PDB file of all heavy atoms in Angstrom:
ATOM      1  N   TYR A   1      86.977  77.106 302.929  1.00  0.00           N
ATOM      2  CA  TYR A   1      88.171  77.683 302.220  1.00  0.00           C
ATOM      3  C   TYR A   1      88.778  76.617 301.192  1.00  0.00           C
ATOM      4  O   TYR A   1      89.001  76.939 300.056  1.00  0.00           O
ATOM      5  CB  TYR A   1      89.244  78.081 303.181  1.00  0.00           C
ATOM      6  CG  TYR A   1      90.450  78.479 302.455  1.00  0.00           C
ATOM      7  CD1 TYR A   1      90.540  79.676 301.796  1.00  0.00           C
ATOM      8  CD2 TYR A   1      91.618  77.647 302.377  1.00  0.00           C
ATOM      9  CE1 TYR A   1      91.694  80.090 301.062  1.00  0.00           C
ATOM     10  CE2 TYR A   1      92.698  77.975 301.638  1.00  0.00           C
ATOM     11  CZ  TYR A   1      92.723  79.234 301.022  1.00  0.00           C
ATOM     12  OH  TYR A   1      93.844  79.464 300.225  1.00  0.00           O
ATOM     13  N   ILE A   2      88.903  75.415 301.671  1.00  0.00           N
ATOM     14  CA  ILE A   2      89.516  74.450 300.819  1.00  0.00           C
ATOM     15  C   ILE A   2      88.677  74.170 299.557  1.00  0.00           C
ATOM     16  O   ILE A   2      89.154  74.151 298.446  1.00  0.00           O
ATOM     17  CB  ILE A   2      89.835  73.103 301.505  1.00  0.00           C
ATOM     18  CG1 ILE A   2      90.885  73.366 302.644  1.00  0.00           C
ATOM     19  CG2 ILE A   2      90.113  71.982 300.582  1.00  0.00           C
ATOM     20  CD1 ILE A   2      90.918  72.229 303.650  1.00  0.00           C
ATOM     21  N   THR A   3      87.326  73.977 299.776  1.00  0.00           N
ATOM     22  CA  THR A   3      86.413  73.672 298.632  1.00  0.00           C
ATOM     23  C   THR A   3      86.273  74.837 297.746  1.00  0.00           C
ATOM     24  O   THR A   3      86.226  74.773 296.473  1.00  0.00           O
ATOM     25  CB  THR A   3      85.086  73.209 299.069  1.00  0.00           C
ATOM     26  OG1 THR A   3      84.439  74.189 299.904  1.00  0.00           O
ATOM     27  CG2 THR A   3      85.183  71.850 299.781  1.00  0.00           C
ATOM     28  N   ASN A   4      86.236  76.137 298.307  1.00  0.00           N
ATOM     29  CA  ASN A   4      86.076  77.348 297.480  1.00  0.00           C
ATOM     30  C   ASN A   4      87.363  77.570 296.629  1.00  0.00           C
ATOM     31  O   ASN A   4      87.291  77.859 295.428  1.00  0.00           O
ATOM     32  CB  ASN A   4      85.789  78.581 298.360  1.00  0.00           C
ATOM     33  CG  ASN A   4      84.333  78.737 298.684  1.00  0.00           C
ATOM     34  OD1 ASN A   4      83.703  79.759 298.421  1.00  0.00           O
ATOM     35  ND2 ASN A   4      83.725  77.706 299.300  1.00  0.00           N
ATOM     36  N   LYS A   5      88.518  77.423 297.246  1.00  0.00           N
ATOM     37  CA  LYS A   5      89.706  77.647 296.522  1.00  0.00           C
ATOM     38  C   LYS A   5      89.933  76.657 295.425  1.00  0.00           C
ATOM     39  O   LYS A   5      90.242  76.982 294.273  1.00  0.00           O
ATOM     40  CB  LYS A   5      90.957  77.619 297.460  1.00  0.00           C
ATOM     41  CG  LYS A   5      92.298  77.656 296.763  1.00  0.00           C
ATOM     42  CD  LYS A   5      93.463  77.769 297.682  1.00  0.00           C
ATOM     43  CE  LYS A   5      94.745  77.947 296.958  1.00  0.00           C
ATOM     44  NZ  LYS A   5      94.933  79.202 296.169  1.00  0.00           N
ATOM     45  N   LEU A   6      89.747  75.320 295.696  1.00  0.00           N
ATOM     46  CA  LEU A   6      90.003  74.328 294.714  1.00  0.00           C
ATOM     47  C   LEU A   6      88.954  74.206 293.586  1.00  0.00           C
ATOM     48  O   LEU A   6      89.296  74.039 292.466  1.00  0.00           O
ATOM     49  CB  LEU A   6      90.253  72.993 295.413  1.00  0.00           C
ATOM     50  CG  LEU A   6      91.464  72.947 296.345  1.00  0.00           C
ATOM     51  CD1 LEU A   6      91.450  71.572 297.019  1.00  0.00           C
ATOM     52  CD2 LEU A   6      92.740  73.241 295.697  1.00  0.00           C
ATOM     53  N   TRP A   7      87.661  74.176 294.012  1.00  0.00           N
ATOM     54  CA  TRP A   7      86.673  73.812 293.037  1.00  0.00           C
ATOM     55  C   TRP A   7      85.696  74.842 292.623  1.00  0.00           C
ATOM     56  O   TRP A   7      85.269  74.847 291.485  1.00  0.00           O
ATOM     57  CB  TRP A   7      85.870  72.610 293.557  1.00  0.00           C
ATOM     58  CG  TRP A   7      86.750  71.387 293.697  1.00  0.00           C
ATOM     59  CD1 TRP A   7      87.388  70.691 292.640  1.00  0.00           C
ATOM     60  CD2 TRP A   7      87.188  70.714 294.844  1.00  0.00           C
ATOM     61  NE1 TRP A   7      88.137  69.685 293.132  1.00  0.00           N
ATOM     62  CE2 TRP A   7      88.046  69.709 294.525  1.00  0.00           C
ATOM     63  CE3 TRP A   7      86.908  70.950 296.233  1.00  0.00           C
ATOM     64  CZ2 TRP A   7      88.611  68.796 295.439  1.00  0.00           C
ATOM     65  CZ3 TRP A   7      87.573  70.095 297.086  1.00  0.00           C
ATOM     66  CH2 TRP A   7      88.367  69.100 296.773  1.00  0.00           C
ATOM     67  N   VAL A   8      85.303  75.799 293.544  1.00  0.00           N
ATOM     68  CA  VAL A   8      84.375  76.820 293.172  1.00  0.00           C
ATOM     69  C   VAL A   8      85.050  77.902 292.359  1.00  0.00           C
ATOM     70  O   VAL A   8      84.613  78.149 291.212  1.00  0.00           O
ATOM     71  CB  VAL A   8      83.676  77.389 294.514  1.00  0.00           C
ATOM     72  CG1 VAL A   8      82.645  78.485 294.016  1.00  0.00           C
ATOM     73  CG2 VAL A   8      82.937  76.210 295.202  1.00  0.00           C
ATOM     74  N   PHE A   9      85.996  78.572 292.930  1.00  0.00           N
ATOM     75  CA  PHE A   9      86.575  79.788 292.245  1.00  0.00           C
ATOM     76  C   PHE A   9      87.860  79.412 291.555  1.00  0.00           C
ATOM     77  O   PHE A   9      88.536  80.185 290.962  1.00  0.00           O
ATOM     78  CB  PHE A   9      86.770  80.863 293.330  1.00  0.00           C
ATOM     79  CG  PHE A   9      85.446  81.352 293.850  1.00  0.00           C
ATOM     80  CD1 PHE A   9      85.162  81.020 295.184  1.00  0.00           C
ATOM     81  CD2 PHE A   9      84.670  82.103 293.047  1.00  0.00           C
ATOM     82  CE1 PHE A   9      83.939  81.417 295.699  1.00  0.00           C
ATOM     83  CE2 PHE A   9      83.310  82.439 293.600  1.00  0.00           C
ATOM     84  CZ  PHE A   9      83.027  82.214 294.912  1.00  0.00           C
ATOM     85  N   GLU A  10      88.256  78.124 291.693  1.00  0.00           N
ATOM     86  CA  GLU A  10      89.468  77.646 291.010  1.00  0.00           C
ATOM     87  C   GLU A  10      90.685  78.500 291.075  1.00  0.00           C
ATOM     88  O   GLU A  10      91.303  78.777 290.090  1.00  0.00           O
ATOM     89  CB  GLU A  10      89.070  77.241 289.509  1.00  0.00           C
ATOM     90  CG  GLU A  10      88.093  76.235 289.408  1.00  0.00           C
ATOM     91  CD  GLU A  10      87.635  75.976 287.984  1.00  0.00           C
ATOM     92  OE1 GLU A  10      87.995  76.700 287.012  1.00  0.00           O
ATOM     93  OE2 GLU A  10      86.849  74.999 287.805  1.00  0.00           O
ATOM     94  N   SER A  11      91.004  78.865 292.246  1.00  0.00           N
ATOM     95  CA  SER A  11      92.193  79.666 292.469  1.00  0.00           C
ATOM     96  C   SER A  11      93.411  78.813 292.336  1.00  0.00           C
ATOM     97  O   SER A  11      93.676  77.928 293.080  1.00  0.00           O
ATOM     98  CB  SER A  11      92.175  80.323 293.872  1.00  0.00           C
ATOM     99  OG  SER A  11      93.407  80.964 294.106  1.00  0.00           O
ATOM    100  N   LYS A  12      94.241  78.992 291.229  1.00  0.00           N
ATOM    101  CA  LYS A  12      95.318  78.165 290.885  1.00  0.00           C
ATOM    102  C   LYS A  12      96.516  78.527 291.646  1.00  0.00           C
ATOM    103  O   LYS A  12      97.482  77.748 291.627  1.00  0.00           O
ATOM    104  CB  LYS A  12      95.548  78.155 289.371  1.00  0.00           C
ATOM    105  CG  LYS A  12      94.356  77.821 288.586  1.00  0.00           C
ATOM    106  CD  LYS A  12      93.976  76.401 288.708  1.00  0.00           C
ATOM    107  CE  LYS A  12      92.876  76.078 287.705  1.00  0.00           C
ATOM    108  NZ  LYS A  12      91.990  75.016 288.138  1.00  0.00           N
ATOM    109  N   SER A  13      96.657  79.659 292.150  1.00  0.00           N
ATOM    110  CA  SER A  13      97.868  80.180 292.801  1.00  0.00           C
ATOM    111  C   SER A  13      98.327  79.184 293.969  1.00  0.00           C
ATOM    112  O   SER A  13      97.431  78.940 294.878  1.00  0.00           O
ATOM    113  CB  SER A  13      97.780  81.585 293.339  1.00  0.00           C
ATOM    114  OG  SER A  13      98.979  81.907 293.879  1.00  0.00           O
ATOM    115  N   ARG A  14      99.590  78.860 293.993  1.00  0.00           N
ATOM    116  CA  ARG A  14     100.131  78.160 295.135  1.00  0.00           C
ATOM    117  C   ARG A  14     101.246  78.880 295.770  1.00  0.00           C
ATOM    118  O   ARG A  14     101.931  78.394 296.678  1.00  0.00           O
ATOM    119  CB  ARG A  14     100.717  76.755 294.616  1.00  0.00           C
ATOM    120  CG  ARG A  14      99.674  75.833 293.983  1.00  0.00           C
ATOM    121  CD  ARG A  14      98.555  75.422 294.916  1.00  0.00           C
ATOM    122  NE  ARG A  14      97.650  74.448 294.416  1.00  0.00           N
ATOM    123  CZ  ARG A  14      96.458  74.706 293.995  1.00  0.00           C
ATOM    124  NH1 ARG A  14      95.968  75.966 294.108  1.00  0.00           N
ATOM    125  NH2 ARG A  14      95.563  73.848 293.491  1.00  0.00           N
ATOM    126  N   LYS A  15     101.410  80.186 295.285  1.00  0.00           N
ATOM    127  CA  LYS A  15     102.507  80.966 295.883  1.00  0.00           C
ATOM    128  C   LYS A  15     102.017  81.306 297.238  1.00  0.00           C
ATOM    129  O   LYS A  15     100.948  81.624 297.585  1.00  0.00           O
ATOM    130  CB  LYS A  15     102.592  82.292 295.147  1.00  0.00           C
ATOM    131  CG  LYS A  15     103.135  82.130 293.659  1.00  0.00           C
ATOM    132  CD  LYS A  15     103.379  83.429 293.113  1.00  0.00           C
ATOM    133  CE  LYS A  15     103.924  83.247 291.664  1.00  0.00           C
ATOM    134  NZ  LYS A  15     103.869  84.517 290.898  1.00  0.00           N
ATOM    135  N   LEU A  16     103.017  81.136 298.209  1.00  0.00           N
ATOM    136  CA  LEU A  16     102.713  81.292 299.661  1.00  0.00           C
ATOM    137  C   LEU A  16     102.102  82.598 300.031  1.00  0.00           C
ATOM    138  O   LEU A  16     101.168  82.649 300.754  1.00  0.00           O
ATOM    139  CB  LEU A  16     103.937  80.966 300.448  1.00  0.00           C
ATOM    140  CG  LEU A  16     103.852  80.995 302.014  1.00  0.00           C
ATOM    141  CD1 LEU A  16     102.871  79.942 302.410  1.00  0.00           C
ATOM    142  CD2 LEU A  16     105.119  80.787 302.669  1.00  0.00           C
ATOM    143  N   ARG A  17     102.658  83.663 299.440  1.00  0.00           N
ATOM    144  CA  ARG A  17     102.100  85.053 299.800  1.00  0.00           C
ATOM    145  C   ARG A  17     100.612  85.221 299.361  1.00  0.00           C
ATOM    146  O   ARG A  17      99.861  85.754 300.047  1.00  0.00           O
ATOM    147  CB  ARG A  17     102.938  86.173 299.322  1.00  0.00           C
ATOM    148  CG  ARG A  17     102.814  86.460 297.879  1.00  0.00           C
ATOM    149  CD  ARG A  17     103.559  87.802 297.466  1.00  0.00           C
ATOM    150  NE  ARG A  17     103.478  87.964 296.040  1.00  0.00           N
ATOM    151  CZ  ARG A  17     102.434  88.543 295.539  1.00  0.00           C
ATOM    152  NH1 ARG A  17     101.475  88.972 296.227  1.00  0.00           N
ATOM    153  NH2 ARG A  17     102.422  88.671 294.245  1.00  0.00           N
ATOM    154  N   ILE A  18     100.244  84.597 298.246  1.00  0.00           N
ATOM    155  CA  ILE A  18      98.903  84.697 297.760  1.00  0.00           C
ATOM    156  C   ILE A  18      98.040  83.786 298.550  1.00  0.00           C
ATOM    157  O   ILE A  18      96.809  84.149 298.993  1.00  0.00           O
ATOM    158  CB  ILE A  18      98.841  84.391 296.256  1.00  0.00           C
ATOM    159  CG1 ILE A  18      99.565  85.532 295.495  1.00  0.00           C
ATOM    160  CG2 ILE A  18      97.377  84.276 295.792  1.00  0.00           C
ATOM    161  CD1 ILE A  18      99.734  85.328 293.966  1.00  0.00           C
ATOM    162  N   VAL A  19      98.435  82.592 298.863  1.00  0.00           N
ATOM    163  CA  VAL A  19      97.670  81.713 299.712  1.00  0.00           C
ATOM    164  C   VAL A  19      97.422  82.245 301.092  1.00  0.00           C
ATOM    165  O   VAL A  19      96.220  82.301 301.583  1.00  0.00           O
ATOM    166  CB  VAL A  19      98.309  80.302 299.807  1.00  0.00           C
ATOM    167  CG1 VAL A  19      97.653  79.378 300.847  1.00  0.00           C
ATOM    168  CG2 VAL A  19      98.331  79.569 298.458  1.00  0.00           C
ATOM    169  N   ILE A  20      98.483  82.789 301.685  1.00  0.00           N
ATOM    170  CA  ILE A  20      98.270  83.477 303.022  1.00  0.00           C
ATOM    171  C   ILE A  20      97.276  84.651 302.884  1.00  0.00           C
ATOM    172  O   ILE A  20      96.413  84.799 303.777  1.00  0.00           O
ATOM    173  CB  ILE A  20      99.590  84.022 303.529  1.00  0.00           C
ATOM    174  CG1 ILE A  20     100.479  82.790 303.995  1.00  0.00           C
ATOM    175  CG2 ILE A  20      99.433  85.016 304.733  1.00  0.00           C
ATOM    176  CD1 ILE A  20     101.956  83.055 304.261  1.00  0.00           C
ATOM    177  N   LYS A  21      97.407  85.451 301.824  1.00  0.00           N
ATOM    178  CA  LYS A  21      96.470  86.533 301.611  1.00  0.00           C
ATOM    179  C   LYS A  21      95.041  86.031 301.476  1.00  0.00           C
ATOM    180  O   LYS A  21      94.088  86.626 302.047  1.00  0.00           O
ATOM    181  CB  LYS A  21      96.866  87.381 300.403  1.00  0.00           C
ATOM    182  CG  LYS A  21      96.016  88.585 300.156  1.00  0.00           C
ATOM    183  CD  LYS A  21      96.494  89.427 298.961  1.00  0.00           C
ATOM    184  CE  LYS A  21      95.680  90.543 298.725  1.00  0.00           C
ATOM    185  NZ  LYS A  21      96.100  91.361 297.582  1.00  0.00           N
ATOM    186  N   GLU A  22      94.812  84.930 300.656  1.00  0.00           N
ATOM    187  CA  GLU A  22      93.491  84.348 300.510  1.00  0.00           C
ATOM    188  C   GLU A  22      92.926  83.923 301.783  1.00  0.00           C
ATOM    189  O   GLU A  22      91.789  84.153 302.144  1.00  0.00           O
ATOM    190  CB  GLU A  22      93.588  83.231 299.504  1.00  0.00           C
ATOM    191  CG  GLU A  22      93.679  83.600 298.110  1.00  0.00           C
ATOM    192  CD  GLU A  22      93.812  82.413 297.195  1.00  0.00           C
ATOM    193  OE1 GLU A  22      94.006  81.277 297.690  1.00  0.00           O
ATOM    194  OE2 GLU A  22      93.764  82.639 295.930  1.00  0.00           O
ATOM    195  N   VAL A  23      93.745  83.088 302.545  1.00  0.00           N
ATOM    196  CA  VAL A  23      93.340  82.575 303.881  1.00  0.00           C
ATOM    197  C   VAL A  23      92.934  83.731 304.855  1.00  0.00           C
ATOM    198  O   VAL A  23      91.858  83.682 305.411  1.00  0.00           O
ATOM    199  CB  VAL A  23      94.375  81.682 304.473  1.00  0.00           C
ATOM    200  CG1 VAL A  23      94.064  81.355 305.987  1.00  0.00           C
ATOM    201  CG2 VAL A  23      94.587  80.434 303.744  1.00  0.00           C
ATOM    202  N   PHE A  24      93.787  84.727 304.901  1.00  0.00           N
ATOM    203  CA  PHE A  24      93.455  85.893 305.768  1.00  0.00           C
ATOM    204  C   PHE A  24      92.122  86.566 305.313  1.00  0.00           C
ATOM    205  O   PHE A  24      91.316  86.842 306.157  1.00  0.00           O
ATOM    206  CB  PHE A  24      94.621  86.943 305.752  1.00  0.00           C
ATOM    207  CG  PHE A  24      94.336  88.113 306.496  1.00  0.00           C
ATOM    208  CD1 PHE A  24      94.428  88.133 307.882  1.00  0.00           C
ATOM    209  CD2 PHE A  24      94.013  89.243 305.859  1.00  0.00           C
ATOM    210  CE1 PHE A  24      94.148  89.199 308.575  1.00  0.00           C
ATOM    211  CE2 PHE A  24      93.718  90.460 306.612  1.00  0.00           C
ATOM    212  CZ  PHE A  24      93.799  90.403 308.056  1.00  0.00           C
ATOM    213  N   GLU A  25      92.040  86.801 304.012  1.00  0.00           N
ATOM    214  CA  GLU A  25      90.780  87.491 303.532  1.00  0.00           C
ATOM    215  C   GLU A  25      89.531  86.565 303.788  1.00  0.00           C
ATOM    216  O   GLU A  25      88.445  87.108 304.124  1.00  0.00           O
ATOM    217  CB  GLU A  25      90.922  87.859 302.029  1.00  0.00           C
ATOM    218  CG  GLU A  25      91.857  89.003 301.853  1.00  0.00           C
ATOM    219  CD  GLU A  25      92.124  89.231 300.331  1.00  0.00           C
ATOM    220  OE1 GLU A  25      91.600  88.458 299.445  1.00  0.00           O
ATOM    221  OE2 GLU A  25      92.815  90.247 299.994  1.00  0.00           O
ATOM    222  N   PHE A  26      89.722  85.351 303.511  1.00  0.00           N
ATOM    223  CA  PHE A  26      88.651  84.352 303.686  1.00  0.00           C
ATOM    224  C   PHE A  26      88.112  84.368 305.122  1.00  0.00           C
ATOM    225  O   PHE A  26      86.981  84.503 305.335  1.00  0.00           O
ATOM    226  CB  PHE A  26      89.067  82.946 303.203  1.00  0.00           C
ATOM    227  CG  PHE A  26      87.895  82.002 303.011  1.00  0.00           C
ATOM    228  CD1 PHE A  26      87.226  82.015 301.787  1.00  0.00           C
ATOM    229  CD2 PHE A  26      87.463  81.188 304.001  1.00  0.00           C
ATOM    230  CE1 PHE A  26      86.127  81.173 301.549  1.00  0.00           C
ATOM    231  CE2 PHE A  26      86.535  80.300 303.760  1.00  0.00           C
ATOM    232  CZ  PHE A  26      85.757  80.253 302.532  1.00  0.00           C
ATOM    233  N   PHE A  27      89.065  84.148 306.016  1.00  0.00           N
ATOM    234  CA  PHE A  27      88.659  84.151 307.507  1.00  0.00           C
ATOM    235  C   PHE A  27      88.157  85.548 307.887  1.00  0.00           C
ATOM    236  O   PHE A  27      87.232  85.557 308.656  1.00  0.00           O
ATOM    237  CB  PHE A  27      89.840  83.729 308.332  1.00  0.00           C
ATOM    238  CG  PHE A  27      89.845  82.190 308.491  1.00  0.00           C
ATOM    239  CD1 PHE A  27      90.429  81.358 307.556  1.00  0.00           C
ATOM    240  CD2 PHE A  27      89.346  81.624 309.580  1.00  0.00           C
ATOM    241  CE1 PHE A  27      90.414  80.012 307.653  1.00  0.00           C
ATOM    242  CE2 PHE A  27      89.278  80.237 309.772  1.00  0.00           C
ATOM    243  CZ  PHE A  27      89.911  79.465 308.815  1.00  0.00           C
ATOM    244  N   ARG A  28      88.778  86.637 307.400  1.00  0.00           N
ATOM    245  CA  ARG A  28      88.289  87.935 307.797  1.00  0.00           C
ATOM    246  C   ARG A  28      86.840  88.111 307.367  1.00  0.00           C
ATOM    247  O   ARG A  28      85.951  88.630 308.105  1.00  0.00           O
ATOM    248  CB  ARG A  28      89.133  89.034 307.204  1.00  0.00           C
ATOM    249  CG  ARG A  28      88.725  90.456 307.609  1.00  0.00           C
ATOM    250  CD  ARG A  28      89.678  91.506 307.115  1.00  0.00           C
ATOM    251  NE  ARG A  28      89.662  91.488 305.668  1.00  0.00           N
ATOM    252  CZ  ARG A  28      90.335  92.247 304.847  1.00  0.00           C
ATOM    253  NH1 ARG A  28      91.181  93.141 305.379  1.00  0.00           N
ATOM    254  NH2 ARG A  28      90.251  92.265 303.588  1.00  0.00           N
ATOM    255  N   ALA A  29      86.561  87.730 306.131  1.00  0.00           N
ATOM    256  CA  ALA A  29      85.134  87.903 305.633  1.00  0.00           C
ATOM    257  C   ALA A  29      84.156  86.953 306.384  1.00  0.00           C
ATOM    258  O   ALA A  29      83.033  87.377 306.793  1.00  0.00           O
ATOM    259  CB  ALA A  29      85.070  87.483 304.111  1.00  0.00           C
ATOM    260  N   ARG A  30      84.718  85.756 306.755  1.00  0.00           N
ATOM    261  CA  ARG A  30      83.809  84.841 307.632  1.00  0.00           C
ATOM    262  C   ARG A  30      83.648  85.425 308.945  1.00  0.00           C
ATOM    263  O   ARG A  30      82.550  85.228 309.586  1.00  0.00           O
ATOM    264  CB  ARG A  30      84.354  83.389 307.590  1.00  0.00           C
ATOM    265  CG  ARG A  30      84.360  82.719 306.291  1.00  0.00           C
ATOM    266  CD  ARG A  30      83.088  82.928 305.422  1.00  0.00           C
ATOM    267  NE  ARG A  30      82.979  82.129 304.275  1.00  0.00           N
ATOM    268  CZ  ARG A  30      83.275  82.520 303.035  1.00  0.00           C
ATOM    269  NH1 ARG A  30      83.766  83.654 302.786  1.00  0.00           N
ATOM    270  NH2 ARG A  30      82.947  81.619 302.010  1.00  0.00           N
ATOM    271  N   VAL A  31      84.651  86.154 309.508  1.00  0.00           N
ATOM    272  CA  VAL A  31      84.481  86.721 310.835  1.00  0.00           C
ATOM    273  C   VAL A  31      83.395  87.817 310.796  1.00  0.00           C
ATOM    274  O   VAL A  31      82.543  87.919 311.712  1.00  0.00           O
ATOM    275  CB  VAL A  31      85.777  87.281 311.436  1.00  0.00           C
ATOM    276  CG1 VAL A  31      85.542  88.279 312.582  1.00  0.00           C
ATOM    277  CG2 VAL A  31      86.763  86.178 311.767  1.00  0.00           C
ATOM    278  N   VAL A  32      83.379  88.510 309.720  1.00  0.00           N
ATOM    279  CA  VAL A  32      82.268  89.496 309.505  1.00  0.00           C
ATOM    280  C   VAL A  32      80.919  88.846 309.587  1.00  0.00           C
ATOM    281  O   VAL A  32      79.979  89.280 310.261  1.00  0.00           O
ATOM    282  CB  VAL A  32      82.452  90.352 308.212  1.00  0.00           C
ATOM    283  CG1 VAL A  32      81.229  91.191 307.937  1.00  0.00           C
ATOM    284  CG2 VAL A  32      83.711  91.267 308.251  1.00  0.00           C
ATOM    285  N   SER A  33      80.771  87.698 308.823  1.00  0.00           N
ATOM    286  CA  SER A  33      79.546  86.903 308.953  1.00  0.00           C
ATOM    287  C   SER A  33      79.261  86.399 310.296  1.00  0.00           C
ATOM    288  O   SER A  33      78.117  86.457 310.775  1.00  0.00           O
ATOM    289  CB  SER A  33      79.722  85.727 307.929  1.00  0.00           C
ATOM    290  OG  SER A  33      79.855  86.225 306.671  1.00  0.00           O
ATOM    291  N   LEU A  34      80.309  85.951 311.017  1.00  0.00           N
ATOM    292  CA  LEU A  34      80.101  85.453 312.363  1.00  0.00           C
ATOM    293  C   LEU A  34      79.591  86.482 313.314  1.00  0.00           C
ATOM    294  O   LEU A  34      78.681  86.282 314.096  1.00  0.00           O
ATOM    295  CB  LEU A  34      81.318  84.851 312.933  1.00  0.00           C
ATOM    296  CG  LEU A  34      81.350  84.213 314.292  1.00  0.00           C
ATOM    297  CD1 LEU A  34      80.438  83.015 314.265  1.00  0.00           C
ATOM    298  CD2 LEU A  34      82.738  83.910 314.743  1.00  0.00           C
ATOM    299  N   PHE A  35      80.045  87.743 313.095  1.00  0.00           N
ATOM    300  CA  PHE A  35      79.677  88.794 314.024  1.00  0.00           C
ATOM    301  C   PHE A  35      78.199  89.257 313.752  1.00  0.00           C
ATOM    302  O   PHE A  35      77.554  89.806 314.589  1.00  0.00           O
ATOM    303  CB  PHE A  35      80.536  90.054 313.910  1.00  0.00           C
ATOM    304  CG  PHE A  35      81.811  89.867 314.701  1.00  0.00           C
ATOM    305  CD1 PHE A  35      83.034  90.075 314.123  1.00  0.00           C
ATOM    306  CD2 PHE A  35      81.756  89.505 316.040  1.00  0.00           C
ATOM    307  CE1 PHE A  35      84.221  89.988 314.817  1.00  0.00           C
ATOM    308  CE2 PHE A  35      82.936  89.355 316.731  1.00  0.00           C
ATOM    309  CZ  PHE A  35      84.157  89.588 316.198  1.00  0.00           C
ATOM    310  N   GLY A  36      77.632  88.842 312.554  1.00  0.00           N
ATOM    311  CA  GLY A  36      76.232  88.950 312.350  1.00  0.00           C
ATOM    312  C   GLY A  36      75.448  87.762 312.806  1.00  0.00           C
ATOM    313  O   GLY A  36      74.305  87.830 313.366  1.00  0.00           O
ATOM    314  N   ASP A  37      76.083  86.619 312.673  1.00  0.00           N
ATOM    315  CA  ASP A  37      75.507  85.306 312.948  1.00  0.00           C
ATOM    316  C   ASP A  37      75.267  85.115 314.547  1.00  0.00           C
ATOM    317  O   ASP A  37      74.215  84.806 314.996  1.00  0.00           O
ATOM    318  CB  ASP A  37      76.287  84.170 312.408  1.00  0.00           C
ATOM    319  CG  ASP A  37      75.652  82.846 312.459  1.00  0.00           C
ATOM    320  OD1 ASP A  37      74.445  82.776 312.322  1.00  0.00           O
ATOM    321  OD2 ASP A  37      76.390  81.877 312.750  1.00  0.00           O
ATOM    322  N   GLU A  38      76.329  85.323 315.323  1.00  0.00           N
ATOM    323  CA  GLU A  38      76.239  85.140 316.783  1.00  0.00           C
ATOM    324  C   GLU A  38      75.210  86.036 317.414  1.00  0.00           C
ATOM    325  O   GLU A  38      74.369  85.534 318.110  1.00  0.00           O
ATOM    326  CB  GLU A  38      77.601  85.310 317.394  1.00  0.00           C
ATOM    327  CG  GLU A  38      78.605  84.141 317.141  1.00  0.00           C
ATOM    328  CD  GLU A  38      78.351  82.962 318.073  1.00  0.00           C
ATOM    329  OE1 GLU A  38      78.664  83.041 319.196  1.00  0.00           O
ATOM    330  OE2 GLU A  38      77.807  81.912 317.582  1.00  0.00           O
ATOM    331  N   PRO A  39      75.293  87.348 317.242  1.00  0.00           N
ATOM    332  CA  PRO A  39      74.256  88.160 317.872  1.00  0.00           C
ATOM    333  C   PRO A  39      72.874  87.951 317.277  1.00  0.00           C
ATOM    334  O   PRO A  39      71.859  87.989 318.007  1.00  0.00           O
ATOM    335  CB  PRO A  39      74.659  89.637 317.480  1.00  0.00           C
ATOM    336  CG  PRO A  39      76.087  89.556 317.142  1.00  0.00           C
ATOM    337  CD  PRO A  39      76.302  88.164 316.548  1.00  0.00           C
ATOM    338  N   GLY A  40      72.766  87.518 316.024  1.00  0.00           N
ATOM    339  CA  GLY A  40      71.491  87.143 315.418  1.00  0.00           C
ATOM    340  C   GLY A  40      70.913  85.953 316.110  1.00  0.00           C
ATOM    341  O   GLY A  40      69.696  85.846 316.376  1.00  0.00           O
ATOM    342  N   ARG A  41      71.798  84.980 316.343  1.00  0.00           N
ATOM    343  CA  ARG A  41      71.272  83.742 316.994  1.00  0.00           C
ATOM    344  C   ARG A  41      70.847  84.118 318.435  1.00  0.00           C
ATOM    345  O   ARG A  41      69.865  83.574 318.866  1.00  0.00           O
ATOM    346  CB  ARG A  41      72.459  82.730 317.011  1.00  0.00           C
ATOM    347  CG  ARG A  41      72.086  81.442 317.619  1.00  0.00           C
ATOM    348  CD  ARG A  41      73.086  80.364 317.403  1.00  0.00           C
ATOM    349  NE  ARG A  41      73.988  80.467 316.319  1.00  0.00           N
ATOM    350  CZ  ARG A  41      73.672  80.359 314.993  1.00  0.00           C
ATOM    351  NH1 ARG A  41      72.418  80.127 314.706  1.00  0.00           N
ATOM    352  NH2 ARG A  41      74.572  80.520 314.020  1.00  0.00           N
ATOM    353  N   TRP A  42      71.643  84.819 319.078  1.00  0.00           N
ATOM    354  CA  TRP A  42      71.279  85.292 320.519  1.00  0.00           C
ATOM    355  C   TRP A  42      69.862  85.988 320.480  1.00  0.00           C
ATOM    356  O   TRP A  42      69.027  85.748 321.265  1.00  0.00           O
ATOM    357  CB  TRP A  42      72.364  86.220 321.147  1.00  0.00           C
ATOM    358  CG  TRP A  42      71.932  86.706 322.427  1.00  0.00           C
ATOM    359  CD1 TRP A  42      72.083  86.126 323.642  1.00  0.00           C
ATOM    360  CD2 TRP A  42      71.410  88.111 322.631  1.00  0.00           C
ATOM    361  NE1 TRP A  42      71.614  86.995 324.630  1.00  0.00           N
ATOM    362  CE2 TRP A  42      71.222  88.147 324.060  1.00  0.00           C
ATOM    363  CE3 TRP A  42      71.051  89.141 321.871  1.00  0.00           C
ATOM    364  CZ2 TRP A  42      70.640  89.290 324.624  1.00  0.00           C
ATOM    365  CZ3 TRP A  42      70.543  90.215 322.452  1.00  0.00           C
ATOM    366  CH2 TRP A  42      70.334  90.347 323.761  1.00  0.00           C
ATOM    367  N   LEU A  43      69.691  86.935 319.475  1.00  0.00           N
ATOM    368  CA  LEU A  43      68.512  87.669 319.362  1.00  0.00           C
ATOM    369  C   LEU A  43      67.306  86.753 319.120  1.00  0.00           C
ATOM    370  O   LEU A  43      66.237  86.860 319.814  1.00  0.00           O
ATOM    371  CB  LEU A  43      68.615  88.677 318.282  1.00  0.00           C
ATOM    372  CG  LEU A  43      67.338  89.609 318.052  1.00  0.00           C
ATOM    373  CD1 LEU A  43      67.232  90.603 319.135  1.00  0.00           C
ATOM    374  CD2 LEU A  43      67.641  90.426 316.725  1.00  0.00           C
ATOM    375  N   LEU A  44      67.458  85.839 318.151  1.00  0.00           N
ATOM    376  CA  LEU A  44      66.405  84.935 317.778  1.00  0.00           C
ATOM    377  C   LEU A  44      66.049  84.003 318.983  1.00  0.00           C
ATOM    378  O   LEU A  44      64.805  83.786 319.281  1.00  0.00           O
ATOM    379  CB  LEU A  44      66.708  84.068 316.601  1.00  0.00           C
ATOM    380  CG  LEU A  44      66.798  84.833 315.249  1.00  0.00           C
ATOM    381  CD1 LEU A  44      67.264  84.020 314.174  1.00  0.00           C
ATOM    382  CD2 LEU A  44      65.432  85.464 314.932  1.00  0.00           C
TER     383      LEU A  44
END
């Protein structure tokens, strides 16, 4: 999250509501990935 925000996608916003929204969306998207990753690992 830190590297993507600061250097990859250069999200300049420091407004608390936008940062909270970004963090929530970032973790939510990564949870979707995790739910593919964990069962995939178990399967393999």
